[in-house]
Amino acid sequence: MSIDVIFMGLDGVLFDTEALHLAACNAAFANAGLSVRWTLPALRAAAVTHGYARAIGSAVAMPPLSRNKQRVAKLLEDKHRQFHQLILARPPQAQAAALALIEDATAAGCKICILTDLPAPAASALLERYFGADVNSLFSVVAGGVNFDSTAGAGPYAHALHAIGAAPHDAIAIDTAVPALRVAADAGLWTVSVAPYGGDVVRPRQFITFDALHELQASPYTPDQQRPAPGLHRAA
């Protein structure tokens, strides 16, 4: 087998956005008149199930606030607005290991795709401020505002693969968000978790390398039989 397509998230994979998400969440809490203030561990705990872009959802999941749909919607909208303003004012650093992977993978003929649940304007701002006019030539697919919670249809990864004419077992998804990884695994892709939470994962700089993907390319196992190396995961 081979890896011909690499899907990358933006939060914590291509860019170090953690501090900006934390600041945006706390600003939204304050603007909403809530006493909640998160520390970094609290943000990471929420991101386990929601991902960074929608982590604030865990703070409004319980009543009575959860019953006030209008207030919840305004809180989420404000969080996204705060995050967008922050990335324009303080563009986050790109992860060196992810950039190295992109360079090595494109040199080998792999397609690089971006699927993220960040709102499309924020995703575009992040990519354009770093890659400029090269965005369209470097990435085969770029989609922001992706809903990884929906079970309707074939799912975002399946649609993207269909658009570029690739098979799921020839693709890998690298992300920090559990919802994104779950959807990718359900679609038959290889998955790599690089979340900075949990005891069974490692940070991106430790293993997101093109050499690590060679282990998959040389594997004698089919995708469903694959015995994953540390950090590499497949759905059962």
Protein backbone atom coordinates (compact mmCIF):
# COMPACT_ATOMS: atom_id res chain seq x y z
CA MET A 1 0.00 0.00 0.00
CA SER A 2 1.00 3.63 -0.28
CA ILE A 3 0.06 6.98 1.16
CA ASP A 4 -0.96 9.19 -1.74
CA VAL A 5 -3.07 11.77 0.12
CA ILE A 6 -2.37 13.51 3.43
CA PHE A 7 -5.16 15.37 5.20
CA MET A 8 -3.94 17.87 7.78
CA GLY A 9 -5.83 19.84 10.39
CA LEU A 10 -4.88 23.42 11.17
CA ASP A 11 -5.24 23.58 14.96
CA GLY A 12 -2.15 22.08 16.56
CA VAL A 13 -1.09 20.34 13.37
CA LEU A 14 -0.08 22.96 10.84
CA PHE A 15 -0.29 25.92 13.23
CA ASP A 16 0.22 26.43 16.96
CA THR A 17 -3.17 27.99 17.74
CA GLU A 18 -3.64 26.77 21.31
CA ALA A 19 -2.92 30.06 23.09
CA LEU A 20 -5.15 32.00 20.71
CA HIS A 21 -8.08 29.62 21.22
CA LEU A 22 -7.65 29.97 24.99
CA ALA A 23 -7.67 33.77 24.80
CA ALA A 24 -10.67 33.76 22.46
CA CYS A 25 -12.68 31.46 24.73
CA ASN A 26 -12.00 33.55 27.82
CA ALA A 27 -12.83 36.78 25.99
CA ALA A 28 -16.13 35.27 24.84
CA PHE A 29 -16.91 34.11 28.38
CA ALA A 30 -16.27 37.63 29.71
CA ASN A 31 -18.34 39.30 26.99
CA ALA A 32 -21.23 36.95 27.76
CA GLY A 33 -21.14 37.85 31.45
CA LEU A 34 -20.07 34.35 32.48
CA SER A 35 -17.74 33.75 35.43
CA VAL A 36 -16.03 30.85 33.64
CA ARG A 37 -12.34 31.33 32.89
CA TRP A 38 -10.29 28.51 31.39
CA THR A 39 -6.70 27.54 31.96
CA LEU A 40 -4.76 25.63 29.30
CA PRO A 41 -5.55 22.22 30.88
CA ALA A 42 -9.27 23.12 30.84
CA LEU A 43 -9.11 24.03 27.14
CA ARG A 44 -7.32 20.78 26.36
CA ALA A 45 -9.87 18.78 28.33
CA ALA A 46 -12.68 20.36 26.33
CA ALA A 47 -10.80 19.81 23.06
CA VAL A 48 -10.63 16.08 23.73
CA THR A 49 -14.22 15.67 22.59
CA HIS A 50 -14.95 18.92 20.76
CA GLY A 51 -11.72 19.92 19.04
CA TYR A 52 -10.10 23.33 19.56
CA ALA A 53 -12.39 25.30 17.25
CA ARG A 54 -15.54 24.16 19.07
CA ALA A 55 -14.07 23.47 22.51
CA ILE A 56 -16.16 26.24 24.07
CA GLY A 57 -19.18 24.04 23.42
CA SER A 58 -18.34 21.95 26.46
CA ALA A 59 -18.93 24.98 28.70
CA VAL A 60 -22.48 25.41 27.45
CA ALA A 61 -23.47 21.76 27.24
CA MET A 62 -25.16 21.67 30.65
CA PRO A 63 -28.40 23.38 31.75
CA PRO A 64 -29.51 26.01 32.37
CA LEU A 65 -27.25 27.67 29.78
CA SER A 66 -27.70 24.84 27.27
CA ARG A 67 -31.45 25.61 27.14
CA ASN A 68 -30.82 29.19 26.00
CA LYS A 69 -30.08 28.46 22.35
CA GLN A 70 -29.83 32.10 21.37
CA ARG A 71 -27.29 32.88 24.08
CA VAL A 72 -25.25 29.78 23.20
CA ALA A 73 -25.23 30.76 19.53
CA LYS A 74 -24.03 34.28 20.39
CA LEU A 75 -21.28 32.86 22.61
CA LEU A 76 -20.00 30.57 19.85
CA GLU A 77 -20.18 33.38 17.30
CA ASP A 78 -18.25 35.72 19.58
CA LYS A 79 -15.59 33.08 20.23
CA HIS A 80 -15.04 32.64 16.49
CA ARG A 81 -14.91 36.42 16.03
CA GLN A 82 -12.39 36.83 18.84
CA PHE A 83 -10.20 34.05 17.40
CA HIS A 84 -10.27 35.59 13.93
CA GLN A 85 -9.21 38.98 15.31
CA LEU A 86 -6.38 37.35 17.24
CA ILE A 87 -4.94 35.49 14.26
CA LEU A 88 -4.95 38.72 12.27
CA ALA A 89 -3.22 40.60 15.08
CA ARG A 90 -0.85 37.80 16.14
CA PRO A 91 -0.50 35.22 13.37
CA PRO A 92 0.41 31.88 14.97
CA GLN A 93 3.61 30.04 14.17
CA ALA A 94 3.54 27.20 11.69
CA GLN A 95 4.77 23.87 13.04
CA ALA A 96 8.23 23.13 11.63
CA ALA A 97 7.60 19.38 11.53
CA ALA A 98 4.36 19.83 9.59
CA LEU A 99 6.08 22.11 7.07
CA ALA A 100 8.84 19.55 6.63
CA LEU A 101 6.24 16.84 6.06
CA ILE A 102 4.49 18.95 3.42
CA GLU A 103 7.78 19.59 1.62
CA ASP A 104 8.84 15.94 1.65
CA ALA A 105 5.39 14.62 0.76
CA THR A 106 4.83 16.97 -2.18
CA ALA A 107 8.31 16.15 -3.49
CA ALA A 108 7.26 12.49 -3.46
CA GLY A 109 4.06 13.26 -5.36
CA CYS A 110 1.59 13.12 -2.46
CA LYS A 111 -1.45 15.38 -2.44
CA ILE A 112 -1.88 17.59 0.64
CA CYS A 113 -5.41 18.51 1.75
CA ILE A 114 -6.79 20.70 4.52
CA LEU A 115 -10.07 19.86 6.26
CA THR A 116 -10.83 21.88 9.37
CA ASP A 117 -13.78 22.83 11.53
CA LEU A 118 -12.38 26.35 11.87
CA PRO A 119 -14.73 28.80 10.15
CA ALA A 120 -13.75 29.29 6.52
CA PRO A 121 -12.65 32.95 6.95
CA ALA A 122 -10.29 32.01 9.80
CA ALA A 123 -8.92 29.03 7.88
CA SER A 124 -8.30 31.22 4.82
CA ALA A 125 -6.61 33.89 6.92
CA LEU A 126 -4.26 31.38 8.51
CA LEU A 127 -3.25 29.80 5.22
CA GLU A 128 -3.01 32.98 3.15
CA ARG A 129 -0.94 34.87 5.72
CA TYR A 130 1.64 32.09 5.71
CA PHE A 131 1.53 30.57 2.22
CA GLY A 132 0.24 33.55 0.23
CA ALA A 133 -0.48 32.84 -3.41
CA ASP A 134 0.90 29.30 -3.07
CA VAL A 135 -2.22 28.05 -1.24
CA ASN A 136 -4.02 26.97 -4.40
CA SER A 137 -1.02 25.23 -5.93
CA LEU A 138 0.20 23.58 -2.72
CA PHE A 139 -3.07 22.12 -1.42
CA SER A 140 -5.36 19.91 -3.50
CA VAL A 141 -8.36 20.52 -1.23
CA VAL A 142 -8.98 23.28 1.32
CA ALA A 143 -12.23 23.25 3.29
CA GLY A 144 -13.09 25.32 6.36
CA GLY A 145 -16.19 25.14 8.51
CA VAL A 146 -16.35 21.36 8.16
CA ASN A 147 -18.90 19.64 10.40
CA PHE A 148 -17.24 16.54 11.83
CA ASP A 149 -20.23 15.77 14.07
CA SER A 150 -22.69 15.11 11.27
CA THR A 151 -23.31 11.51 10.27
CA ALA A 152 -25.31 12.44 7.18
CA GLY A 153 -23.99 11.33 3.79
CA ALA A 154 -20.57 9.95 3.07
CA GLY A 155 -18.71 12.50 5.19
CA PRO A 156 -16.15 15.22 4.40
CA TYR A 157 -13.15 12.92 3.87
CA ALA A 158 -15.05 10.65 1.50
CA HIS A 159 -16.25 13.65 -0.52
CA ALA A 160 -12.73 15.09 -0.72
CA LEU A 161 -11.24 11.76 -1.81
CA HIS A 162 -13.93 11.35 -4.45
CA ALA A 163 -13.15 14.82 -5.79
CA ILE A 164 -9.46 14.04 -6.26
CA GLY A 165 -9.96 10.41 -7.32
CA ALA A 166 -8.19 8.70 -4.42
CA ALA A 167 -9.05 5.66 -2.30
CA PRO A 168 -9.47 5.84 1.52
CA HIS A 169 -6.78 3.22 2.22
CA ASP A 170 -4.27 5.38 0.35
CA ALA A 171 -4.97 8.42 2.55
CA ILE A 172 -4.06 9.49 6.07
CA ALA A 173 -5.59 12.14 8.35
CA ILE A 174 -3.42 13.98 10.87
CA ASP A 175 -5.36 15.97 13.44
CA THR A 176 -5.76 16.89 17.09
CA ALA A 177 -9.56 16.75 17.17
CA VAL A 178 -11.29 13.55 18.16
CA PRO A 179 -14.36 14.24 15.97
CA ALA A 180 -12.20 14.70 12.87
CA LEU A 181 -10.17 11.57 13.56
CA ARG A 182 -13.30 9.53 14.22
CA VAL A 183 -14.88 10.58 10.93
CA ALA A 184 -11.64 9.85 9.07
CA ALA A 185 -11.34 6.40 10.61
CA ASP A 186 -14.99 5.64 9.82
CA ALA A 187 -14.28 6.59 6.20
CA GLY A 188 -11.43 4.06 6.06
CA LEU A 189 -8.45 6.42 6.29
CA TRP A 190 -5.35 5.94 8.37
CA THR A 191 -5.31 8.40 11.27
CA VAL A 192 -2.62 10.05 13.35
CA SER A 193 -3.50 11.83 16.58
CA VAL A 194 -1.15 14.64 17.55
CA ALA A 195 -3.28 16.01 20.37
CA PRO A 196 -1.38 17.42 23.37
CA TYR A 197 -3.70 15.59 25.74
CA GLY A 198 -3.98 11.96 26.78
CA GLY A 199 -1.24 9.51 27.65
CA ASP A 200 -1.01 7.60 24.37
CA VAL A 201 -0.14 10.41 21.97
CA VAL A 202 2.95 12.49 21.31
CA ARG A 203 3.54 16.00 20.07
CA PRO A 204 3.85 16.70 16.34
CA ARG A 205 7.57 17.42 16.39
CA GLN A 206 8.22 13.89 17.59
CA PHE A 207 6.74 11.90 14.75
CA ILE A 208 5.09 13.81 11.93
CA THR A 209 7.76 12.98 9.41
CA PHE A 210 7.61 11.54 5.95
CA ASP A 211 9.91 8.74 7.15
CA ALA A 212 7.16 7.64 9.57
CA LEU A 213 4.81 7.23 6.62
CA HIS A 214 7.31 4.94 4.92
CA GLU A 215 6.49 2.40 7.63
CA LEU A 216 2.93 2.33 6.32
CA GLN A 217 4.06 2.20 2.70
CA ALA A 218 6.21 -0.85 3.42
CA SER A 219 3.62 -2.61 5.55
CA PRO A 220 2.64 -6.13 4.44
CA TYR A 221 -0.77 -5.71 6.08
CA THR A 222 -4.01 -4.49 4.54
CA PRO A 223 -5.45 -1.33 6.15
CA ASP A 224 -7.77 -3.30 8.44
CA GLN A 225 -4.90 -5.60 9.49
CA GLN A 226 -2.36 -2.84 10.01
CA ARG A 227 -0.46 -3.00 13.27
CA PRO A 228 0.00 0.69 14.00
CA ALA A 229 3.29 2.19 15.01
CA PRO A 230 3.21 4.58 17.99
CA GLY A 231 1.00 7.51 17.11
CA LEU A 232 -0.56 5.76 14.10
CA HIS A 233 -4.12 4.58 14.53
CA ARG A 234 -6.72 2.66 12.62
CA ALA A 235 -10.36 2.01 13.39
CA ALA A 236 -11.09 -1.48 14.64
